[in-house]
Amino acid sequence: SMREVCYAAITSCSIHADQVVFSCGDPCRQMYFVESGELRYLTRKQGRNISNTDMTRLVAQITRLQLGKKLKKGSWICEPAIWVQDWHNLGELISLTNGVLLKIDTNTLSKVVSSFPITHYNMMVYAQAAVQQMSAVVEDEPDQLTDLWEMRSNLQGQQVSSRRLGQG
């Protein structure tokens, strides 16, 4: 079932240096994985402090000041779009170099997973927990919810969390 999910729901797209992948407020219906290249994610607050006269200057400013969160191979972003209907981006994603992103489309993922009852059930359980965690973040510290959100789970009393695939 996972092979079918990956084959049907994941696509790749090329990104170019100095490209805005998404902006704050954009509707988001996909989760991204960085296959290659380097990007920076700027929160709503960080994005406001930047004068974007032209993209080359903007990227130079982001790089020089080391603004935002660096994303590189193995990083992911926009997981909330998978679990929250009508998710809108909460920041800006800007590519600093050429690269490739893998995208999971939420609608395609939903259709494919519905064909596999056990996988569908497991995703529903995960989705419930994810939405509960995001709701708790919004209640406690609304500014802390970003497109970088990731599930935090307790496994034998230890918090498991990772920004890199294949770790944790």
Protein backbone atom coordinates (compact mmCIF):
# COMPACT_ATOMS: atom_id res chain seq x y z
CA SER A 1 0.00 0.00 0.00
CA MET A 2 2.81 2.45 0.81
CA ARG A 3 4.30 1.95 -2.67
CA GLU A 4 0.98 2.90 -4.28
CA VAL A 5 0.66 5.93 -2.00
CA CYS A 6 4.16 7.11 -2.90
CA TYR A 7 3.72 6.47 -6.61
CA ALA A 8 0.34 8.22 -6.88
CA ALA A 9 0.58 11.06 -4.38
CA ILE A 10 4.20 12.23 -4.67
CA THR A 11 5.44 14.40 -7.52
CA SER A 12 8.66 16.32 -7.96
CA CYS A 13 9.18 19.90 -9.04
CA SER A 14 12.28 21.88 -9.87
CA ILE A 15 12.96 25.08 -8.01
CA HIS A 16 15.29 27.85 -9.02
CA ALA A 17 17.58 30.10 -7.01
CA ASP A 18 15.82 33.25 -5.81
CA GLN A 19 12.36 31.68 -6.23
CA VAL A 20 9.48 32.23 -3.80
CA VAL A 21 7.98 28.75 -3.39
CA PHE A 22 5.08 30.06 -1.34
CA SER A 23 4.08 33.21 0.51
CA CYS A 24 2.27 33.88 3.75
CA GLY A 25 -1.48 33.47 3.27
CA ASP A 26 -1.26 31.24 0.20
CA PRO A 27 -3.68 28.29 0.21
CA CYS A 28 -1.64 25.13 0.71
CA ARG A 29 -2.71 21.66 -0.38
CA GLN A 30 0.65 19.89 -0.30
CA MET A 31 3.49 18.91 1.96
CA TYR A 32 7.03 19.41 0.66
CA PHE A 33 10.22 17.38 1.11
CA VAL A 34 13.56 18.86 0.08
CA GLU A 35 15.30 16.46 -2.29
CA SER A 36 18.09 18.89 -3.18
CA GLY A 37 18.95 22.56 -2.88
CA GLU A 38 18.80 25.00 0.00
CA LEU A 39 15.81 27.03 1.08
CA ARG A 40 14.90 29.38 3.92
CA TYR A 41 11.58 29.54 5.70
CA LEU A 42 10.67 32.92 7.16
CA THR A 43 7.85 33.27 9.66
CA ARG A 44 5.25 35.97 9.17
CA LYS A 45 7.20 38.21 11.56
CA GLN A 46 10.57 37.61 9.87
CA GLY A 47 9.10 38.15 6.41
CA ARG A 48 7.76 41.55 7.44
CA ASN A 49 11.23 42.81 8.33
CA ILE A 50 12.55 42.30 4.82
CA SER A 51 12.34 44.82 2.06
CA ASN A 52 11.85 42.77 -1.09
CA THR A 53 12.91 45.24 -3.75
CA ASP A 54 14.19 42.40 -5.93
CA MET A 55 14.69 38.70 -5.29
CA THR A 56 18.47 38.70 -5.77
CA ARG A 57 18.88 41.38 -3.09
CA LEU A 58 16.32 39.66 -0.87
CA VAL A 59 18.14 36.31 -1.04
CA ALA A 60 21.48 38.04 -0.40
CA GLN A 61 19.97 39.75 2.65
CA ILE A 62 18.46 36.49 3.96
CA THR A 63 21.77 34.69 3.47
CA ARG A 64 23.93 37.47 4.97
CA LEU A 65 21.72 37.86 8.04
CA GLN A 66 21.01 34.12 8.27
CA LEU A 67 17.32 34.86 8.54
CA GLY A 68 14.75 32.13 8.93
CA LYS A 69 15.09 28.38 9.19
CA LYS A 70 17.43 26.66 6.73
CA LEU A 71 15.91 23.71 4.88
CA LYS A 72 18.08 21.26 2.94
CA LYS A 73 17.94 17.65 1.71
CA GLY A 74 15.79 15.56 4.03
CA SER A 75 13.88 18.51 5.51
CA TRP A 76 10.14 18.84 5.18
CA ILE A 77 7.59 21.63 5.49
CA CYS A 78 3.80 22.14 5.40
CA GLU A 79 2.82 18.91 7.15
CA PRO A 80 -0.24 20.70 8.60
CA ALA A 81 -1.66 20.94 5.06
CA ILE A 82 -2.07 17.15 5.12
CA TRP A 83 -4.14 17.20 8.32
CA VAL A 84 -5.96 20.56 8.26
CA GLN A 85 -8.48 21.31 5.56
CA ASP A 86 -8.01 24.74 3.96
CA TRP A 87 -4.53 25.26 5.43
CA HIS A 88 -2.94 28.58 4.48
CA ASN A 89 0.80 29.14 4.68
CA LEU A 90 2.00 31.01 7.75
CA GLY A 91 5.29 32.21 6.31
CA GLU A 92 7.47 32.48 3.21
CA LEU A 93 9.56 29.72 1.62
CA ILE A 94 12.36 31.03 -0.58
CA SER A 95 14.89 28.95 -2.49
CA LEU A 96 18.48 30.11 -2.21
CA THR A 97 19.77 27.62 -4.80
CA ASN A 98 18.43 25.48 -7.61
CA GLY A 99 16.95 22.24 -6.35
CA VAL A 100 14.14 19.72 -6.34
CA LEU A 101 11.14 19.44 -4.03
CA LEU A 102 8.96 16.37 -3.63
CA LYS A 103 5.30 17.23 -3.05
CA ILE A 104 2.53 15.17 -1.50
CA ASP A 105 -0.82 16.43 -2.75
CA THR A 106 -3.48 16.21 -0.03
CA ASN A 107 -6.39 15.34 -2.34
CA THR A 108 -4.48 12.57 -4.14
CA LEU A 109 -3.14 11.22 -0.85
CA SER A 110 -6.66 11.05 0.56
CA LYS A 111 -8.01 9.19 -2.49
CA VAL A 112 -5.17 6.68 -2.59
CA VAL A 113 -5.14 5.98 1.15
CA SER A 114 -8.90 5.39 1.20
CA SER A 115 -8.24 2.23 -0.85
CA PHE A 116 -6.21 0.74 2.02
CA PRO A 117 -8.37 0.40 5.17
CA ILE A 118 -5.56 -0.21 7.67
CA THR A 119 -3.40 2.63 6.33
CA HIS A 120 -6.49 4.85 6.20
CA TYR A 121 -7.32 4.06 9.83
CA ASN A 122 -3.73 4.72 10.97
CA MET A 123 -3.69 8.05 9.15
CA MET A 124 -7.01 9.03 10.72
CA VAL A 125 -5.65 8.32 14.21
CA TYR A 126 -2.49 10.31 13.44
CA ALA A 127 -4.56 13.16 11.97
CA GLN A 128 -6.65 13.39 15.15
CA ALA A 129 -3.54 13.60 17.31
CA ALA A 130 -1.94 16.13 14.95
CA VAL A 131 -4.97 18.42 15.02
CA GLN A 132 -5.13 18.19 18.83
CA GLN A 133 -1.46 19.15 19.11
CA MET A 134 -1.84 22.04 16.68
CA SER A 135 -4.91 23.27 18.58
CA ALA A 136 -2.95 23.18 21.84
CA VAL A 137 -0.15 25.23 20.26
CA VAL A 138 -2.66 27.79 18.98
CA GLU A 139 -4.21 28.09 22.47
CA ASP A 140 -0.88 28.37 24.31
CA GLU A 141 1.32 30.31 21.88
CA PRO A 142 -0.41 31.18 18.58
CA ASP A 143 2.79 32.63 17.06
CA GLN A 144 4.52 29.26 17.50
CA LEU A 145 2.34 27.49 14.92
CA THR A 146 4.16 27.64 11.57
CA ASP A 147 4.47 25.63 8.38
CA LEU A 148 7.43 23.92 10.12
CA TRP A 149 5.10 22.27 12.66
CA GLU A 150 5.82 18.60 13.22
CA MET A 151 4.16 15.93 15.36
CA ARG A 152 5.67 15.39 18.76
CA SER A 153 4.95 12.03 20.30
CA ASN A 154 5.98 10.33 23.49
CA LEU A 155 7.63 6.98 23.01
CA GLN A 156 8.44 5.27 26.31
CA GLY A 157 8.44 8.62 28.07
CA GLN A 158 10.84 10.29 25.63
CA GLN A 159 9.91 13.03 23.27
CA VAL A 160 10.61 12.06 19.67
CA SER A 161 10.99 14.85 17.16
CA SER A 162 13.16 15.38 14.13
CA ARG A 163 13.45 17.87 11.26
CA ARG A 164 15.36 15.31 9.17
CA LEU A 165 13.97 12.23 7.50
CA GLY A 166 15.34 8.94 8.69
CA GLN A 167 16.20 10.16 12.20
CA GLY A 168 14.28 9.78 15.45
